[in-house]
Amino acid sequence: MHLVQNFILVDFYNNFQYLFTYLYKVLKYIIYKIKKVGIYLHSGLGNQMFMLFNMLSYYIDNCDDYIIYYNTTEFKTEIYYWDTMFSNLKDKISDTCDILNKYDANEFHYNKISEYDNDVVLHL
């Protein structure tokens, strides 16, 4: 009988731990909404690097995920560097944008991008 009681207690503890972990993840998602930042990559190598590093800086400070968009019809960029220097970012590339909020940079000097409450796509 003692063995059965120990088994029941261990089983209860394992199930409780699983339930607690699951509830913690759900509540964390509800309380701390996962945010994403995106960037439309275009132009030459220098501009692409500037855009990428601005987006990565915003991502590190404010977000949980990022995505890189490219649009060959809107922007006439001939060369992207997915197979060379940007090869580690290949899994973050998309050709369709699903983010509604947009940040437009309208000046050619540094301005800190303020934090958005929701997902944002940067137009630099």
PDB file of N, CA and C in Angstrom:
ATOM      1  N   MET A   1       0.825  -1.196   0.000  1.00  0.00           N
ATOM      2  CA  MET A   1       0.000   0.000   0.000  1.00  0.00           C
ATOM      3  C   MET A   1       0.865   1.254   0.000  1.00  0.00           C
ATOM      4  N   HIS A   2       1.959   1.199   0.719  1.00  0.00           N
ATOM      5  CA  HIS A   2       2.851   2.349   0.797  1.00  0.00           C
ATOM      6  C   HIS A   2       3.425   2.686  -0.591  1.00  0.00           C
ATOM      7  N   LEU A   3       3.728   1.671  -1.378  1.00  0.00           N
ATOM      8  CA  LEU A   3       4.258   1.870  -2.720  1.00  0.00           C
ATOM      9  C   LEU A   3       3.221   2.539  -3.618  1.00  0.00           C
ATOM     10  N   VAL A   4       1.987   2.154  -3.500  1.00  0.00           N
ATOM     11  CA  VAL A   4       0.908   2.749  -4.295  1.00  0.00           C
ATOM     12  C   VAL A   4       0.727   4.219  -3.929  1.00  0.00           C
ATOM     13  N   GLN A   5       0.781   4.541  -2.644  1.00  0.00           N
ATOM     14  CA  GLN A   5       0.642   5.933  -2.213  1.00  0.00           C
ATOM     15  C   GLN A   5       1.785   6.781  -2.754  1.00  0.00           C
ATOM     16  N   ASN A   6       3.001   6.268  -2.712  1.00  0.00           N
ATOM     17  CA  ASN A   6       4.138   7.007  -3.266  1.00  0.00           C
ATOM     18  C   ASN A   6       3.984   7.220  -4.766  1.00  0.00           C
ATOM     19  N   PHE A   7       3.516   6.205  -5.457  1.00  0.00           N
ATOM     20  CA  PHE A   7       3.290   6.325  -6.897  1.00  0.00           C
ATOM     21  C   PHE A   7       2.236   7.388  -7.188  1.00  0.00           C
ATOM     22  N   ILE A   8       1.163   7.398  -6.429  1.00  0.00           N
ATOM     23  CA  ILE A   8       0.094   8.386  -6.625  1.00  0.00           C
ATOM     24  C   ILE A   8       0.622   9.790  -6.352  1.00  0.00           C
ATOM     25  N   LEU A   9       1.409   9.957  -5.303  1.00  0.00           N
ATOM     26  CA  LEU A   9       1.972  11.271  -4.991  1.00  0.00           C
ATOM     27  C   LEU A   9       2.935  11.749  -6.076  1.00  0.00           C
ATOM     28  N   VAL A  10       3.776  10.862  -6.573  1.00  0.00           N
ATOM     29  CA  VAL A  10       4.720  11.223  -7.637  1.00  0.00           C
ATOM     30  C   VAL A  10       3.961  11.575  -8.906  1.00  0.00           C
ATOM     31  N   ASP A  11       2.965  10.792  -9.243  1.00  0.00           N
ATOM     32  CA  ASP A  11       2.157  11.058 -10.430  1.00  0.00           C
ATOM     33  C   ASP A  11       1.424  12.395 -10.288  1.00  0.00           C
ATOM     34  N   PHE A  12       0.861  12.654  -9.121  1.00  0.00           N
ATOM     35  CA  PHE A  12       0.180  13.928  -8.873  1.00  0.00           C
ATOM     36  C   PHE A  12       1.154  15.088  -9.012  1.00  0.00           C
ATOM     37  N   TYR A  13       2.346  14.946  -8.433  1.00  0.00           N
ATOM     38  CA  TYR A  13       3.356  16.001  -8.515  1.00  0.00           C
ATOM     39  C   TYR A  13       3.757  16.274  -9.965  1.00  0.00           C
ATOM     40  N   ASN A  14       3.988  15.228 -10.753  1.00  0.00           N
ATOM     41  CA  ASN A  14       4.374  15.397 -12.158  1.00  0.00           C
ATOM     42  C   ASN A  14       3.271  16.078 -12.959  1.00  0.00           C
ATOM     43  N   ASN A  15       2.028  15.662 -12.737  1.00  0.00           N
ATOM     44  CA  ASN A  15       0.915  16.292 -13.439  1.00  0.00           C
ATOM     45  C   ASN A  15       0.742  17.749 -13.017  1.00  0.00           C
ATOM     46  N   PHE A  16       0.901  18.028 -11.725  1.00  0.00           N
ATOM     47  CA  PHE A  16       0.788  19.391 -11.228  1.00  0.00           C
ATOM     48  C   PHE A  16       1.889  20.260 -11.826  1.00  0.00           C
ATOM     49  N   GLN A  17       3.091  19.736 -11.898  1.00  0.00           N
ATOM     50  CA  GLN A  17       4.210  20.482 -12.467  1.00  0.00           C
ATOM     51  C   GLN A  17       3.953  20.768 -13.947  1.00  0.00           C
ATOM     52  N   TYR A  18       3.453  19.805 -14.685  1.00  0.00           N
ATOM     53  CA  TYR A  18       3.125  20.003 -16.099  1.00  0.00           C
ATOM     54  C   TYR A  18       2.039  21.058 -16.247  1.00  0.00           C
ATOM     55  N   LEU A  19       0.988  20.963 -15.449  1.00  0.00           N
ATOM     56  CA  LEU A  19      -0.114  21.921 -15.501  1.00  0.00           C
ATOM     57  C   LEU A  19       0.378  23.320 -15.150  1.00  0.00           C
ATOM     58  N   PHE A  20       1.187  23.438 -14.111  1.00  0.00           N
ATOM     59  CA  PHE A  20       1.717  24.733 -13.713  1.00  0.00           C
ATOM     60  C   PHE A  20       2.566  25.347 -14.825  1.00  0.00           C
ATOM     61  N   THR A  21       3.420  24.553 -15.439  1.00  0.00           N
ATOM     62  CA  THR A  21       4.261  25.037 -16.539  1.00  0.00           C
ATOM     63  C   THR A  21       3.413  25.506 -17.707  1.00  0.00           C
ATOM     64  N   TYR A  22       2.384  24.738 -18.046  1.00  0.00           N
ATOM     65  CA  TYR A  22       1.490  25.101 -19.140  1.00  0.00           C
ATOM     66  C   TYR A  22       0.759  26.408 -18.834  1.00  0.00           C
ATOM     67  N   LEU A  23       0.202  26.528 -17.644  1.00  0.00           N
ATOM     68  CA  LEU A  23      -0.508  27.759 -17.262  1.00  0.00           C
ATOM     69  C   LEU A  23       0.432  28.965 -17.244  1.00  0.00           C
ATOM     70  N   TYR A  24       1.647  28.765 -16.789  1.00  0.00           N
ATOM     71  CA  TYR A  24       2.621  29.850 -16.779  1.00  0.00           C
ATOM     72  C   TYR A  24       2.885  30.358 -18.202  1.00  0.00           C
ATOM     73  N   LYS A  25       3.049  29.447 -19.148  1.00  0.00           N
ATOM     74  CA  LYS A  25       3.304  29.841 -20.536  1.00  0.00           C
ATOM     75  C   LYS A  25       2.105  30.574 -21.129  1.00  0.00           C
ATOM     76  N   VAL A  26       0.902  30.104 -20.831  1.00  0.00           N
ATOM     77  CA  VAL A  26      -0.314  30.757 -21.346  1.00  0.00           C
ATOM     78  C   VAL A  26      -0.441  32.158 -20.765  1.00  0.00           C
ATOM     79  N   LEU A  27      -0.289  32.278 -19.453  1.00  0.00           N
ATOM     80  CA  LEU A  27      -0.414  33.586 -18.817  1.00  0.00           C
ATOM     81  C   LEU A  27       0.690  34.533 -19.270  1.00  0.00           C
ATOM     82  N   LYS A  28       1.876  34.026 -19.450  1.00  0.00           N
ATOM     83  CA  LYS A  28       2.974  34.867 -19.931  1.00  0.00           C
ATOM     84  C   LYS A  28       2.652  35.400 -21.318  1.00  0.00           C
ATOM     85  N   TYR A  29       2.064  34.568 -22.181  1.00  0.00           N
ATOM     86  CA  TYR A  29       1.702  35.018 -23.519  1.00  0.00           C
ATOM     87  C   TYR A  29       0.608  36.075 -23.462  1.00  0.00           C
ATOM     88  N   ILE A  30      -0.368  35.881 -22.570  1.00  0.00           N
ATOM     89  CA  ILE A  30      -1.466  36.841 -22.456  1.00  0.00           C
ATOM     90  C   ILE A  30      -0.968  38.167 -21.895  1.00  0.00           C
ATOM     91  N   ILE A  31      -0.161  38.108 -20.854  1.00  0.00           N
ATOM     92  CA  ILE A  31       0.314  39.328 -20.201  1.00  0.00           C
ATOM     93  C   ILE A  31       1.379  40.019 -21.044  1.00  0.00           C
ATOM     94  N   TYR A  32       2.310  39.265 -21.550  1.00  0.00           N
ATOM     95  CA  TYR A  32       3.422  39.823 -22.308  1.00  0.00           C
ATOM     96  C   TYR A  32       3.268  39.406 -23.752  1.00  0.00           C
ATOM     97  N   LYS A  33       2.573  40.220 -24.526  1.00  0.00           N
ATOM     98  CA  LYS A  33       2.283  39.893 -25.914  1.00  0.00           C
ATOM     99  C   LYS A  33       3.568  39.854 -26.736  1.00  0.00           C
ATOM    100  N   ILE A  34       3.710  38.840 -27.518  1.00  0.00           N
ATOM    101  CA  ILE A  34       4.872  38.698 -28.378  1.00  0.00           C
ATOM    102  C   ILE A  34       4.767  39.716 -29.516  1.00  0.00           C
ATOM    103  N   LYS A  35       5.815  40.519 -29.673  1.00  0.00           N
ATOM    104  CA  LYS A  35       5.827  41.541 -30.714  1.00  0.00           C
ATOM    105  C   LYS A  35       6.852  41.179 -31.778  1.00  0.00           C
ATOM    106  N   LYS A  36       6.558  41.645 -32.998  1.00  0.00           N
ATOM    107  CA  LYS A  36       7.427  41.356 -34.138  1.00  0.00           C
ATOM    108  C   LYS A  36       7.730  42.662 -34.863  1.00  0.00           C
ATOM    109  N   VAL A  37       8.940  42.776 -35.396  1.00  0.00           N
ATOM    110  CA  VAL A  37       9.324  43.921 -36.211  1.00  0.00           C
ATOM    111  C   VAL A  37       9.727  43.394 -37.585  1.00  0.00           C
ATOM    112  N   GLY A  38       9.392  44.164 -38.598  1.00  0.00           N
ATOM    113  CA  GLY A  38       9.740  43.789 -39.959  1.00  0.00           C
ATOM    114  C   GLY A  38      10.424  44.945 -40.660  1.00  0.00           C
ATOM    115  N   ILE A  39      11.071  44.637 -41.751  1.00  0.00           N
ATOM    116  CA  ILE A  39      11.759  45.654 -42.556  1.00  0.00           C
ATOM    117  C   ILE A  39      11.617  45.286 -44.024  1.00  0.00           C
ATOM    118  N   TYR A  40      11.371  46.302 -44.863  1.00  0.00           N
ATOM    119  CA  TYR A  40      11.417  46.107 -46.308  1.00  0.00           C
ATOM    120  C   TYR A  40      12.844  46.368 -46.754  1.00  0.00           C
ATOM    121  N   LEU A  41      13.513  45.349 -47.231  1.00  0.00           N
ATOM    122  CA  LEU A  41      14.911  45.471 -47.646  1.00  0.00           C
ATOM    123  C   LEU A  41      14.963  45.808 -49.123  1.00  0.00           C
ATOM    124  N   HIS A  42      15.748  46.827 -49.469  1.00  0.00           N
ATOM    125  CA  HIS A  42      15.891  47.222 -50.870  1.00  0.00           C
ATOM    126  C   HIS A  42      17.150  48.052 -51.046  1.00  0.00           C
ATOM    127  N   SER A  43      17.439  48.444 -52.243  1.00  0.00           N
ATOM    128  CA  SER A  43      18.569  49.299 -52.640  1.00  0.00           C
ATOM    129  C   SER A  43      19.879  48.529 -52.626  1.00  0.00           C
ATOM    130  N   GLY A  44      20.976  49.248 -52.506  1.00  0.00           N
ATOM    131  CA  GLY A  44      22.298  48.634 -52.580  1.00  0.00           C
ATOM    132  C   GLY A  44      22.747  48.035 -51.258  1.00  0.00           C
ATOM    133  N   LEU A  45      23.958  47.499 -51.272  1.00  0.00           N
ATOM    134  CA  LEU A  45      24.486  46.797 -50.104  1.00  0.00           C
ATOM    135  C   LEU A  45      24.549  47.700 -48.873  1.00  0.00           C
ATOM    136  N   GLY A  46      25.042  48.912 -49.015  1.00  0.00           N
ATOM    137  CA  GLY A  46      25.150  49.825 -47.877  1.00  0.00           C
ATOM    138  C   GLY A  46      23.804  50.124 -47.255  1.00  0.00           C
ATOM    139  N   ASN A  47      22.806  50.414 -48.078  1.00  0.00           N
ATOM    140  CA  ASN A  47      21.457  50.688 -47.572  1.00  0.00           C
ATOM    141  C   ASN A  47      20.840  49.450 -46.938  1.00  0.00           C
ATOM    142  N   GLN A  48      21.060  48.282 -47.543  1.00  0.00           N
ATOM    143  CA  GLN A  48      20.526  47.049 -46.961  1.00  0.00           C
ATOM    144  C   GLN A  48      21.135  46.784 -45.590  1.00  0.00           C
ATOM    145  N   MET A  49      22.438  47.022 -45.447  1.00  0.00           N
ATOM    146  CA  MET A  49      23.081  46.822 -44.146  1.00  0.00           C
ATOM    147  C   MET A  49      22.542  47.818 -43.117  1.00  0.00           C
ATOM    148  N   PHE A  50      22.371  49.075 -43.519  1.00  0.00           N
ATOM    149  CA  PHE A  50      21.823  50.095 -42.622  1.00  0.00           C
ATOM    150  C   PHE A  50      20.424  49.688 -42.148  1.00  0.00           C
ATOM    151  N   MET A  51      19.587  49.260 -43.076  1.00  0.00           N
ATOM    152  CA  MET A  51      18.216  48.860 -42.734  1.00  0.00           C
ATOM    153  C   MET A  51      18.222  47.653 -41.797  1.00  0.00           C
ATOM    154  N   LEU A  52      19.025  46.654 -42.131  1.00  0.00           N
ATOM    155  CA  LEU A  52      19.087  45.445 -41.310  1.00  0.00           C
ATOM    156  C   LEU A  52      19.540  45.748 -39.886  1.00  0.00           C
ATOM    157  N   PHE A  53      20.589  46.545 -39.739  1.00  0.00           N
ATOM    158  CA  PHE A  53      21.106  46.816 -38.400  1.00  0.00           C
ATOM    159  C   PHE A  53      20.161  47.706 -37.591  1.00  0.00           C
ATOM    160  N   ASN A  54      19.450  48.610 -38.248  1.00  0.00           N
ATOM    161  CA  ASN A  54      18.426  49.383 -37.543  1.00  0.00           C
ATOM    162  C   ASN A  54      17.305  48.470 -37.052  1.00  0.00           C
ATOM    163  N   MET A  55      16.861  47.593 -37.927  1.00  0.00           N
ATOM    164  CA  MET A  55      15.794  46.658 -37.553  1.00  0.00           C
ATOM    165  C   MET A  55      16.255  45.722 -36.438  1.00  0.00           C
ATOM    166  N   LEU A  56      17.479  45.199 -36.526  1.00  0.00           N
ATOM    167  CA  LEU A  56      17.985  44.297 -35.493  1.00  0.00           C
ATOM    168  C   LEU A  56      18.141  45.012 -34.152  1.00  0.00           C
ATOM    169  N   SER A  57      18.533  46.272 -34.173  1.00  0.00           N
ATOM    170  CA  SER A  57      18.638  47.050 -32.941  1.00  0.00           C
ATOM    171  C   SER A  57      17.271  47.226 -32.290  1.00  0.00           C
ATOM    172  N   TYR A  58      16.261  47.565 -33.101  1.00  0.00           N
ATOM    173  CA  TYR A  58      14.896  47.707 -32.574  1.00  0.00           C
ATOM    174  C   TYR A  58      14.395  46.363 -32.042  1.00  0.00           C
ATOM    175  N   TYR A  59      14.695  45.300 -32.762  1.00  0.00           N
ATOM    176  CA  TYR A  59      14.298  43.948 -32.349  1.00  0.00           C
ATOM    177  C   TYR A  59      14.905  43.587 -30.995  1.00  0.00           C
ATOM    178  N   ILE A  60      16.188  43.840 -30.803  1.00  0.00           N
ATOM    179  CA  ILE A  60      16.854  43.504 -29.549  1.00  0.00           C
ATOM    180  C   ILE A  60      16.258  44.286 -28.382  1.00  0.00           C
ATOM    181  N   ASP A  61      15.937  45.554 -28.605  1.00  0.00           N
ATOM    182  CA  ASP A  61      15.415  46.406 -27.533  1.00  0.00           C
ATOM    183  C   ASP A  61      13.938  46.169 -27.223  1.00  0.00           C
ATOM    184  N   ASN A  62      13.128  45.816 -28.230  1.00  0.00           N
ATOM    185  CA  ASN A  62      11.677  45.883 -28.046  1.00  0.00           C
ATOM    186  C   ASN A  62      10.869  44.663 -28.456  1.00  0.00           C
ATOM    187  N   CYS A  63      11.431  43.726 -29.161  1.00  0.00           N
ATOM    188  CA  CYS A  63      10.605  42.682 -29.770  1.00  0.00           C
ATOM    189  C   CYS A  63      11.107  41.275 -29.450  1.00  0.00           C
ATOM    190  N   ASP A  64      10.280  40.306 -29.850  1.00  0.00           N
ATOM    191  CA  ASP A  64      10.592  38.901 -29.655  1.00  0.00           C
ATOM    192  C   ASP A  64      10.903  38.186 -30.964  1.00  0.00           C
ATOM    193  N   ASP A  65      10.572  38.822 -32.086  1.00  0.00           N
ATOM    194  CA  ASP A  65      10.789  38.180 -33.377  1.00  0.00           C
ATOM    195  C   ASP A  65      10.960  39.267 -34.433  1.00  0.00           C
ATOM    196  N   TYR A  66      11.572  38.899 -35.550  1.00  0.00           N
ATOM    197  CA  TYR A  66      11.712  39.830 -36.665  1.00  0.00           C
ATOM    198  C   TYR A  66      11.534  39.078 -37.970  1.00  0.00           C
ATOM    199  N   ILE A  67      11.237  39.856 -39.011  1.00  0.00           N
ATOM    200  CA  ILE A  67      11.079  39.287 -40.340  1.00  0.00           C
ATOM    201  C   ILE A  67      11.586  40.294 -41.366  1.00  0.00           C
ATOM    202  N   ILE A  68      12.130  39.785 -42.447  1.00  0.00           N
ATOM    203  CA  ILE A  68      12.686  40.629 -43.503  1.00  0.00           C
ATOM    204  C   ILE A  68      11.830  40.441 -44.747  1.00  0.00           C
ATOM    205  N   TYR A  69      11.285  41.537 -45.238  1.00  0.00           N
ATOM    206  CA  TYR A  69      10.445  41.500 -46.438  1.00  0.00           C
ATOM    207  C   TYR A  69      11.239  42.029 -47.622  1.00  0.00           C
ATOM    208  N   TYR A  70      10.961  41.460 -48.754  1.00  0.00           N
ATOM    209  CA  TYR A  70      11.493  42.035 -49.984  1.00  0.00           C
ATOM    210  C   TYR A  70      10.392  41.993 -51.027  1.00  0.00           C
ATOM    211  N   ASN A  71      10.330  43.030 -51.832  1.00  0.00           N
ATOM    212  CA  ASN A  71       9.292  43.172 -52.830  1.00  0.00           C
ATOM    213  C   ASN A  71       9.969  43.593 -54.130  1.00  0.00           C
ATOM    214  N   THR A  72      10.073  42.675 -55.060  1.00  0.00           N
ATOM    215  CA  THR A  72      10.792  42.965 -56.298  1.00  0.00           C
ATOM    216  C   THR A  72       9.977  43.819 -57.264  1.00  0.00           C
ATOM    217  N   THR A  73       8.688  43.954 -57.036  1.00  0.00           N
ATOM    218  CA  THR A  73       7.889  44.790 -57.935  1.00  0.00           C
ATOM    219  C   THR A  73       7.880  46.248 -57.499  1.00  0.00           C
ATOM    220  N   GLU A  74       7.844  46.507 -56.182  1.00  0.00           N
ATOM    221  CA  GLU A  74       7.818  47.886 -55.688  1.00  0.00           C
ATOM    222  C   GLU A  74       9.214  48.512 -55.675  1.00  0.00           C
ATOM    223  N   PHE A  75      10.215  47.732 -55.313  1.00  0.00           N
ATOM    224  CA  PHE A  75      11.592  48.228 -55.239  1.00  0.00           C
ATOM    225  C   PHE A  75      12.419  47.528 -56.307  1.00  0.00           C
ATOM    226  N   LYS A  76      13.141  48.289 -57.088  1.00  0.00           N
ATOM    227  CA  LYS A  76      13.946  47.738 -58.183  1.00  0.00           C
ATOM    228  C   LYS A  76      15.344  47.358 -57.703  1.00  0.00           C
ATOM    229  N   THR A  77      15.426  46.458 -56.749  1.00  0.00           N
ATOM    230  CA  THR A  77      16.706  45.985 -56.233  1.00  0.00           C
ATOM    231  C   THR A  77      17.142  44.781 -57.050  1.00  0.00           C
ATOM    232  N   GLU A  78      18.332  44.876 -57.602  1.00  0.00           N
ATOM    233  CA  GLU A  78      18.816  43.798 -58.444  1.00  0.00           C
ATOM    234  C   GLU A  78      19.527  42.712 -57.665  1.00  0.00           C
ATOM    235  N   ILE A  79      20.183  43.069 -56.562  1.00  0.00           N
ATOM    236  CA  ILE A  79      20.990  42.092 -55.841  1.00  0.00           C
ATOM    237  C   ILE A  79      20.592  42.063 -54.369  1.00  0.00           C
ATOM    238  N   TYR A  80      20.239  40.873 -53.925  1.00  0.00           N
ATOM    239  CA  TYR A  80      20.088  40.615 -52.499  1.00  0.00           C
ATOM    240  C   TYR A  80      21.219  39.668 -52.108  1.00  0.00           C
ATOM    241  N   TYR A  81      21.605  39.687 -50.870  1.00  0.00           N
ATOM    242  CA  TYR A  81      22.793  38.949 -50.437  1.00  0.00           C
ATOM    243  C   TYR A  81      22.430  37.749 -49.561  1.00  0.00           C
ATOM    244  N   TRP A  82      21.344  37.049 -49.925  1.00  0.00           N
ATOM    245  CA  TRP A  82      20.878  35.906 -49.134  1.00  0.00           C
ATOM    246  C   TRP A  82      21.852  34.741 -49.185  1.00  0.00           C
ATOM    247  N   ASP A  83      22.605  34.619 -50.259  1.00  0.00           N
ATOM    248  CA  ASP A  83      23.515  33.479 -50.411  1.00  0.00           C
ATOM    249  C   ASP A  83      24.931  33.778 -49.933  1.00  0.00           C
ATOM    250  N   THR A  84      25.196  35.009 -49.547  1.00  0.00           N
ATOM    251  CA  THR A  84      26.537  35.354 -49.094  1.00  0.00           C
ATOM    252  C   THR A  84      26.474  35.908 -47.671  1.00  0.00           C
ATOM    253  N   MET A  85      26.608  37.208 -47.511  1.00  0.00           N
ATOM    254  CA  MET A  85      26.748  37.771 -46.169  1.00  0.00           C
ATOM    255  C   MET A  85      25.482  37.736 -45.323  1.00  0.00           C
ATOM    256  N   PHE A  86      24.302  37.617 -45.918  1.00  0.00           N
ATOM    257  CA  PHE A  86      23.052  37.529 -45.154  1.00  0.00           C
ATOM    258  C   PHE A  86      22.511  36.100 -45.110  1.00  0.00           C
ATOM    259  N   SER A  87      23.353  35.123 -45.366  1.00  0.00           N
ATOM    260  CA  SER A  87      22.880  33.740 -45.474  1.00  0.00           C
ATOM    261  C   SER A  87      22.285  33.210 -44.162  1.00  0.00           C
ATOM    262  N   ASN A  88      22.734  33.709 -43.007  1.00  0.00           N
ATOM    263  CA  ASN A  88      22.173  33.246 -41.725  1.00  0.00           C
ATOM    264  C   ASN A  88      20.779  33.791 -41.464  1.00  0.00           C
ATOM    265  N   LEU A  89      20.310  34.727 -42.292  1.00  0.00           N
ATOM    266  CA  LEU A  89      18.985  35.323 -42.117  1.00  0.00           C
ATOM    267  C   LEU A  89      17.948  34.743 -43.073  1.00  0.00           C
ATOM    268  N   LYS A  90      18.330  33.733 -43.847  1.00  0.00           N
ATOM    269  CA  LYS A  90      17.435  33.182 -44.872  1.00  0.00           C
ATOM    270  C   LYS A  90      16.086  32.720 -44.325  1.00  0.00           C
ATOM    271  N   ASP A  91      16.068  32.167 -43.111  1.00  0.00           N
ATOM    272  CA  ASP A  91      14.818  31.649 -42.564  1.00  0.00           C
ATOM    273  C   ASP A  91      13.874  32.755 -42.109  1.00  0.00           C
ATOM    274  N   LYS A  92      14.307  34.009 -42.151  1.00  0.00           N
ATOM    275  CA  LYS A  92      13.483  35.144 -41.729  1.00  0.00           C
ATOM    276  C   LYS A  92      12.979  35.968 -42.914  1.00  0.00           C
ATOM    277  N   ILE A  93      13.102  35.450 -44.125  1.00  0.00           N
ATOM    278  CA  ILE A  93      12.749  36.196 -45.332  1.00  0.00           C
ATOM    279  C   ILE A  93      11.325  35.850 -45.773  1.00  0.00           C
ATOM    280  N   SER A  94      10.588  36.875 -46.183  1.00  0.00           N
ATOM    281  CA  SER A  94       9.236  36.677 -46.709  1.00  0.00           C
ATOM    282  C   SER A  94       8.988  37.706 -47.810  1.00  0.00           C
ATOM    283  N   ASP A  95       8.108  37.380 -48.734  1.00  0.00           N
ATOM    284  CA  ASP A  95       7.764  38.342 -49.778  1.00  0.00           C
ATOM    285  C   ASP A  95       6.395  38.976 -49.552  1.00  0.00           C
ATOM    286  N   THR A  96       5.697  38.589 -48.491  1.00  0.00           N
ATOM    287  CA  THR A  96       4.405  39.198 -48.183  1.00  0.00           C
ATOM    288  C   THR A  96       4.423  39.747 -46.757  1.00  0.00           C
ATOM    289  N   CYS A  97       3.886  40.943 -46.605  1.00  0.00           N
ATOM    290  CA  CYS A  97       3.882  41.621 -45.309  1.00  0.00           C
ATOM    291  C   CYS A  97       2.507  41.502 -44.674  1.00  0.00           C
ATOM    292  N   ASP A  98       2.464  41.043 -43.416  1.00  0.00           N
ATOM    293  CA  ASP A  98       1.192  40.922 -42.700  1.00  0.00           C
ATOM    294  C   ASP A  98       1.109  41.874 -41.505  1.00  0.00           C
ATOM    295  N   ILE A  99       2.066  42.802 -41.397  1.00  0.00           N
ATOM    296  CA  ILE A  99       2.085  43.770 -40.296  1.00  0.00           C
ATOM    297  C   ILE A  99       1.414  45.061 -40.751  1.00  0.00           C
ATOM    298  N   LEU A 100       0.489  45.571 -39.945  1.00  0.00           N
ATOM    299  CA  LEU A 100      -0.276  46.753 -40.327  1.00  0.00           C
ATOM    300  C   LEU A 100       0.382  48.072 -39.917  1.00  0.00           C
ATOM    301  N   ASN A 101       0.979  48.129 -38.715  1.00  0.00           N
ATOM    302  CA  ASN A 101       1.622  49.359 -38.263  1.00  0.00           C
ATOM    303  C   ASN A 101       2.882  49.616 -39.072  1.00  0.00           C
ATOM    304  N   LYS A 102       3.077  50.898 -39.420  1.00  0.00           N
ATOM    305  CA  LYS A 102       4.214  51.239 -40.258  1.00  0.00           C
ATOM    306  C   LYS A 102       4.937  52.443 -39.676  1.00  0.00           C
ATOM    307  N   TYR A 103       6.258  52.343 -39.586  1.00  0.00           N
ATOM    308  CA  TYR A 103       7.094  53.468 -39.186  1.00  0.00           C
ATOM    309  C   TYR A 103       7.808  53.988 -40.420  1.00  0.00           C
ATOM    310  N   ASP A 104       7.596  55.271 -40.748  1.00  0.00           N
ATOM    311  CA  ASP A 104       8.264  55.889 -41.895  1.00  0.00           C
ATOM    312  C   ASP A 104       9.362  56.814 -41.410  1.00  0.00           C
ATOM    313  N   ALA A 105      10.567  56.599 -41.882  1.00  0.00           N
ATOM    314  CA  ALA A 105      11.674  57.508 -41.597  1.00  0.00           C
ATOM    315  C   ALA A 105      11.679  58.561 -42.685  1.00  0.00           C
ATOM    316  N   ASN A 106      11.454  59.825 -42.305  1.00  0.00           N
ATOM    317  CA  ASN A 106      11.368  60.870 -43.319  1.00  0.00           C
ATOM    318  C   ASN A 106      12.547  61.830 -43.257  1.00  0.00           C
ATOM    319  N   GLU A 107      13.564  61.506 -42.473  1.00  0.00           N
ATOM    320  CA  GLU A 107      14.751  62.344 -42.386  1.00  0.00           C
ATOM    321  C   GLU A 107      15.991  61.479 -42.582  1.00  0.00           C
ATOM    322  N   PHE A 108      17.072  62.101 -43.009  1.00  0.00           N
ATOM    323  CA  PHE A 108      18.291  61.358 -43.287  1.00  0.00           C
ATOM    324  C   PHE A 108      19.329  61.514 -42.176  1.00  0.00           C
ATOM    325  N   HIS A 109      18.875  61.561 -40.936  1.00  0.00           N
ATOM    326  CA  HIS A 109      19.782  61.525 -39.801  1.00  0.00           C
ATOM    327  C   HIS A 109      19.139  60.679 -38.704  1.00  0.00           C
ATOM    328  N   TYR A 110      19.923  60.363 -37.692  1.00  0.00           N
ATOM    329  CA  TYR A 110      19.474  59.419 -36.677  1.00  0.00           C
ATOM    330  C   TYR A 110      18.310  59.971 -35.855  1.00  0.00           C
ATOM    331  N   ASN A 111      17.258  59.197 -35.768  1.00  0.00           N
ATOM    332  CA  ASN A 111      16.140  59.443 -34.862  1.00  0.00           C
ATOM    333  C   ASN A 111      15.814  58.111 -34.205  1.00  0.00           C
ATOM    334  N   LYS A 112      15.775  58.098 -32.884  1.00  0.00           N
ATOM    335  CA  LYS A 112      15.430  56.859 -32.183  1.00  0.00           C
ATOM    336  C   LYS A 112      13.991  56.480 -32.521  1.00  0.00           C
ATOM    337  N   ILE A 113      13.798  55.232 -32.863  1.00  0.00           N
ATOM    338  CA  ILE A 113      12.462  54.736 -33.188  1.00  0.00           C
ATOM    339  C   ILE A 113      11.750  54.439 -31.875  1.00  0.00           C
ATOM    340  N   SER A 114      10.637  55.108 -31.644  1.00  0.00           N
ATOM    341  CA  SER A 114       9.909  54.881 -30.396  1.00  0.00           C
ATOM    342  C   SER A 114       9.263  53.499 -30.419  1.00  0.00           C
ATOM    343  N   GLU A 115       9.038  52.957 -29.229  1.00  0.00           N
ATOM    344  CA  GLU A 115       8.493  51.603 -29.118  1.00  0.00           C
ATOM    345  C   GLU A 115       7.011  51.592 -29.463  1.00  0.00           C
ATOM    346  N   TYR A 116       6.610  50.642 -30.271  1.00  0.00           N
ATOM    347  CA  TYR A 116       5.211  50.435 -30.624  1.00  0.00           C
ATOM    348  C   TYR A 116       4.622  49.364 -29.713  1.00  0.00           C
ATOM    349  N   ASP A 117       3.322  49.450 -29.458  1.00  0.00           N
ATOM    350  CA  ASP A 117       2.658  48.460 -28.620  1.00  0.00           C
ATOM    351  C   ASP A 117       2.395  47.155 -29.367  1.00  0.00           C
ATOM    352  N   ASN A 118       2.331  47.235 -30.683  1.00  0.00           N
ATOM    353  CA  ASN A 118       2.048  46.064 -31.507  1.00  0.00           C
ATOM    354  C   ASN A 118       3.177  45.858 -32.511  1.00  0.00           C
ATOM    355  N   ASP A 119       2.995  44.912 -33.403  1.00  0.00           N
ATOM    356  CA  ASP A 119       3.955  44.662 -34.459  1.00  0.00           C
ATOM    357  C   ASP A 119       4.133  45.925 -35.319  1.00  0.00           C
ATOM    358  N   VAL A 120       5.320  46.094 -35.877  1.00  0.00           N
ATOM    359  CA  VAL A 120       5.584  47.256 -36.717  1.00  0.00           C
ATOM    360  C   VAL A 120       6.536  46.868 -37.839  1.00  0.00           C
ATOM    361  N   VAL A 121       6.312  47.461 -38.998  1.00  0.00           N
ATOM    362  CA  VAL A 121       7.231  47.296 -40.122  1.00  0.00           C
ATOM    363  C   VAL A 121       7.923  48.631 -40.328  1.00  0.00           C
ATOM    364  N   LEU A 122       9.247  48.600 -40.467  1.00  0.00           N
ATOM    365  CA  LEU A 122      10.036  49.813 -40.604  1.00  0.00           C
ATOM    366  C   LEU A 122      10.242  50.115 -42.081  1.00  0.00           C
ATOM    367  N   HIS A 123       9.943  51.346 -42.466  1.00  0.00           N
ATOM    368  CA  HIS A 123      10.221  51.820 -43.821  1.00  0.00           C
ATOM    369  C   HIS A 123      11.335  52.854 -43.710  1.00  0.00           C
ATOM    370  N   LEU A 124      12.558  52.412 -43.991  1.00  0.00           N
ATOM    371  CA  LEU A 124      13.717  53.297 -43.861  1.00  0.00           C
ATOM    372  C   LEU A 124      14.238  53.686 -45.225  1.00  0.00           C
TER     373      LEU A 124
END
